[in-house]
Amino acid sequence: MASRRPKRKCRLQTSEKYSPLTKALGSGRDQEGFEVRYINGYIGHGVFASQKFNTGDFLLEYKGDLVSRKEGERREAQYTPTKGSFLMFFSYDGKRLCMDGTEDPFDTNMARMINDEGENPNCVMRAISFLGRPRLCLFALKDINIGEELRYDYGVEDLPWRLESKRKSLRRNSSLDELTFCGLNKETTKSWWM
């Protein structure tokens, strides 16, 4: 009787061994094709493509200490505003976890420098399994051109810049029909509005 080899669940195909995703996750280094640039005093830094990426391409991994959500919340409360915090809360395999990239240097964890975009992001963060461990990976939602800033939706609505953006948008998009001056509105003063 011939011996049978046991089946392996996570055996990679030859083409997968050298894909940008497996190469980056296996090496622990960011792949080529990105640069961190200073934008301004309000936004700070951002990550820009230095080569073209196609829809669906793996971009970067968000690295850091993998901890429980409870530990992530404890750390978040301890970090000072001057230090900042780079915490990514997520669910994986029924567990609530946190990836804390606060202590990782910029040059080995560019993903922590990618800015929020709630309206029109060009990439998305996904939790995937690699060698039995959850990894947070960024993928292109659309083609990304050289010089384009990477932006993804943090999934948090009450961030200060989102609230400010909403206030500016309301001021910019207001029309006379929507405004109320000193308690007067269109219904109470029809002749004034005509």
Protein backbone atom coordinates (compact mmCIF):
# COMPACT_ATOMS: atom_id res chain seq x y z
CA MET A 1 0.00 0.00 0.00
CA ALA A 2 1.35 3.40 -1.00
CA SER A 3 1.84 5.96 1.76
CA ARG A 4 -0.26 9.07 1.51
CA ARG A 5 1.08 12.49 2.25
CA PRO A 6 -1.02 14.51 4.68
CA LYS A 7 -2.93 17.41 3.14
CA ARG A 8 -1.69 20.86 4.03
CA LYS A 9 -4.23 23.63 4.37
CA CYS A 10 -2.00 26.62 3.61
CA ARG A 11 0.34 25.42 0.89
CA LEU A 12 1.10 28.27 -1.48
CA GLN A 13 1.17 27.84 -5.22
CA THR A 14 4.42 28.84 -6.94
CA SER A 15 2.85 32.01 -8.34
CA GLU A 16 1.55 32.99 -4.89
CA LYS A 17 4.95 32.54 -3.20
CA TYR A 18 6.34 35.56 -4.98
CA SER A 19 3.29 37.80 -5.20
CA PRO A 20 3.69 41.30 -3.73
CA LEU A 21 1.34 40.31 -0.88
CA THR A 22 3.19 37.18 0.24
CA LYS A 23 6.58 38.81 -0.34
CA ALA A 24 5.68 41.84 1.83
CA LEU A 25 3.99 39.81 4.57
CA GLY A 26 6.81 37.29 4.63
CA SER A 27 9.57 39.90 4.81
CA GLY A 28 7.86 42.30 7.21
CA ARG A 29 8.91 45.22 4.98
CA ASP A 30 6.75 47.57 2.93
CA GLN A 31 6.80 46.88 -0.78
CA GLU A 32 8.29 49.37 -3.22
CA GLY A 33 6.16 52.00 -4.92
CA PHE A 34 5.27 54.43 -2.13
CA GLU A 35 6.64 57.53 -0.46
CA VAL A 36 5.63 59.50 2.61
CA ARG A 37 5.26 63.24 1.97
CA TYR A 38 4.39 66.19 4.18
CA ILE A 39 1.06 67.73 3.11
CA ASN A 40 0.39 70.61 5.51
CA GLY A 41 0.16 71.53 9.20
CA TYR A 42 -3.45 70.36 9.55
CA ILE A 43 -3.19 66.99 7.78
CA GLY A 44 0.48 66.25 8.44
CA HIS A 45 1.95 63.50 6.28
CA GLY A 46 0.41 61.20 3.69
CA VAL A 47 1.40 58.24 1.54
CA PHE A 48 1.70 58.72 -2.23
CA ALA A 49 2.13 56.19 -5.02
CA SER A 50 5.47 56.35 -6.84
CA GLN A 51 4.30 53.72 -9.33
CA LYS A 52 0.94 52.79 -10.85
CA PHE A 53 -1.32 50.26 -9.09
CA ASN A 54 -4.40 48.55 -10.52
CA THR A 55 -7.79 47.91 -8.94
CA GLY A 56 -7.50 45.01 -6.50
CA ASP A 57 -3.72 45.22 -6.07
CA PHE A 58 -2.23 44.69 -2.62
CA LEU A 59 -0.69 47.97 -1.45
CA LEU A 60 0.62 47.92 2.12
CA GLU A 61 0.26 46.13 5.44
CA TYR A 62 -0.75 48.00 8.60
CA LYS A 63 1.77 46.65 11.12
CA GLY A 64 2.03 46.88 14.89
CA ASP A 65 1.40 45.06 18.14
CA LEU A 66 -1.58 42.72 17.90
CA VAL A 67 -3.50 43.08 21.17
CA SER A 68 -7.03 42.59 22.47
CA ARG A 69 -9.56 45.36 22.02
CA LYS A 70 -9.52 45.94 25.78
CA GLU A 71 -5.75 46.40 25.78
CA GLY A 72 -6.02 48.69 22.73
CA GLU A 73 -8.56 50.88 24.54
CA ARG A 74 -6.28 51.01 27.61
CA ARG A 75 -3.35 52.10 25.43
CA GLU A 76 -5.49 54.66 23.62
CA ALA A 77 -6.38 56.28 26.96
CA GLN A 78 -2.69 56.49 27.91
CA TYR A 79 -1.31 57.97 24.70
CA THR A 80 -0.87 61.75 24.84
CA PRO A 81 -2.08 64.07 22.03
CA THR A 82 1.51 65.12 21.32
CA LYS A 83 2.57 61.50 20.84
CA GLY A 84 -0.56 60.57 18.92
CA SER A 85 -1.86 57.07 18.47
CA PHE A 86 -2.12 54.73 15.51
CA LEU A 87 -4.63 52.12 16.66
CA MET A 88 -6.71 50.00 14.30
CA PHE A 89 -9.64 48.22 15.96
CA PHE A 90 -11.13 45.29 14.04
CA SER A 91 -12.93 41.96 14.34
CA TYR A 92 -11.32 38.75 13.20
CA ASP A 93 -12.53 35.17 13.56
CA GLY A 94 -15.07 36.21 16.20
CA LYS A 95 -12.50 38.13 18.26
CA ARG A 96 -12.32 41.87 18.84
CA LEU A 97 -8.71 42.94 18.33
CA CYS A 98 -6.50 45.98 17.92
CA MET A 99 -3.36 46.53 15.86
CA ASP A 100 -1.29 49.20 17.59
CA GLY A 101 1.15 50.80 15.15
CA THR A 102 1.98 53.73 17.42
CA GLU A 103 5.55 52.64 18.19
CA ASP A 104 6.42 51.48 14.64
CA PRO A 105 8.70 53.87 12.76
CA PHE A 106 7.38 55.58 9.61
CA ASP A 107 9.91 53.89 7.35
CA THR A 108 8.76 50.35 8.24
CA ASN A 109 5.01 50.99 8.56
CA MET A 110 3.92 53.44 5.88
CA ALA A 111 0.30 52.27 6.14
CA ARG A 112 -0.09 54.10 9.44
CA MET A 113 0.49 57.36 7.55
CA ILE A 114 -2.42 56.86 5.13
CA ASN A 115 -5.11 59.47 5.69
CA ASP A 116 -8.87 59.08 6.10
CA GLU A 117 -11.32 59.61 3.24
CA GLY A 118 -14.98 58.93 3.90
CA GLU A 119 -16.42 60.20 0.61
CA ASN A 120 -14.19 58.79 -2.13
CA PRO A 121 -11.47 56.43 -0.87
CA ASN A 122 -9.11 54.81 -3.35
CA CYS A 123 -8.18 51.84 -1.13
CA VAL A 124 -9.70 49.60 1.53
CA MET A 125 -8.33 47.84 4.63
CA ARG A 126 -9.05 44.11 4.97
CA ALA A 127 -8.18 41.63 7.73
CA ILE A 128 -6.68 38.50 6.19
CA SER A 129 -4.99 35.41 7.61
CA PHE A 130 -1.33 34.81 6.91
CA LEU A 131 0.37 31.83 8.55
CA GLY A 132 -2.50 31.62 11.03
CA ARG A 133 -2.23 35.23 12.20
CA PRO A 134 -4.52 38.14 11.34
CA ARG A 135 -2.88 40.78 9.17
CA LEU A 136 -4.37 44.12 8.11
CA CYS A 137 -3.78 44.73 4.42
CA LEU A 138 -4.65 47.61 2.15
CA PHE A 139 -5.97 46.93 -1.36
CA ALA A 140 -6.67 49.33 -4.25
CA LEU A 141 -10.39 50.05 -4.82
CA LYS A 142 -9.56 51.64 -8.18
CA ASP A 143 -6.54 52.32 -10.34
CA ILE A 144 -4.02 54.50 -8.49
CA ASN A 145 -1.72 56.70 -10.56
CA ILE A 146 1.80 57.91 -9.85
CA GLY A 147 1.67 60.88 -7.47
CA GLU A 148 -1.82 60.04 -6.14
CA GLU A 149 -2.31 60.04 -2.38
CA LEU A 150 -3.63 56.82 -0.84
CA ARG A 151 -6.80 57.34 1.22
CA TYR A 152 -9.15 54.86 2.91
CA ASP A 153 -12.27 55.11 5.05
CA TYR A 154 -11.36 54.75 8.74
CA GLY A 155 -15.00 53.87 9.42
CA VAL A 156 -15.38 56.41 12.24
CA GLU A 157 -17.94 59.16 11.62
CA ASP A 158 -17.15 61.52 14.52
CA LEU A 159 -13.51 62.21 13.73
CA PRO A 160 -12.71 65.94 14.16
CA TRP A 161 -11.82 66.51 10.47
CA ARG A 162 -15.04 64.78 9.33
CA LEU A 163 -17.15 66.98 11.61
CA GLU A 164 -15.34 70.10 10.35
CA SER A 165 -15.84 68.95 6.76
CA LYS A 166 -19.57 68.51 7.37
CA ARG A 167 -19.83 72.02 8.84
CA LYS A 168 -18.01 73.51 5.84
CA SER A 169 -20.18 71.53 3.45
CA LEU A 170 -23.37 72.76 5.12
CA ARG A 171 -22.20 76.37 4.85
CA ARG A 172 -21.15 75.90 1.21
CA ASN A 173 -24.34 74.07 0.12
CA SER A 174 -26.90 76.17 1.96
CA SER A 175 -29.51 77.96 -0.11
CA LEU A 176 -31.96 80.67 0.89
CA ASP A 177 -34.76 78.10 1.03
CA GLU A 178 -32.90 76.26 3.81
CA LEU A 179 -31.82 79.23 5.88
CA THR A 180 -33.57 80.78 8.83
CA PHE A 181 -32.71 84.35 9.80
CA CYS A 182 -33.57 85.56 13.29
CA GLY A 183 -36.36 82.99 13.65
CA LEU A 184 -37.92 83.89 10.28
CA ASN A 185 -38.32 81.18 7.67
CA LYS A 186 -39.99 80.69 4.29
CA GLU A 187 -43.33 79.57 5.75
CA THR A 188 -43.73 82.46 8.22
CA THR A 189 -42.68 85.24 5.84
CA LYS A 190 -43.71 84.17 2.33
CA SER A 191 -43.65 87.69 0.88
CA TRP A 192 -40.10 88.28 2.13
CA TRP A 193 -38.82 85.10 0.42
CA MET A 194 -40.43 85.83 -2.99
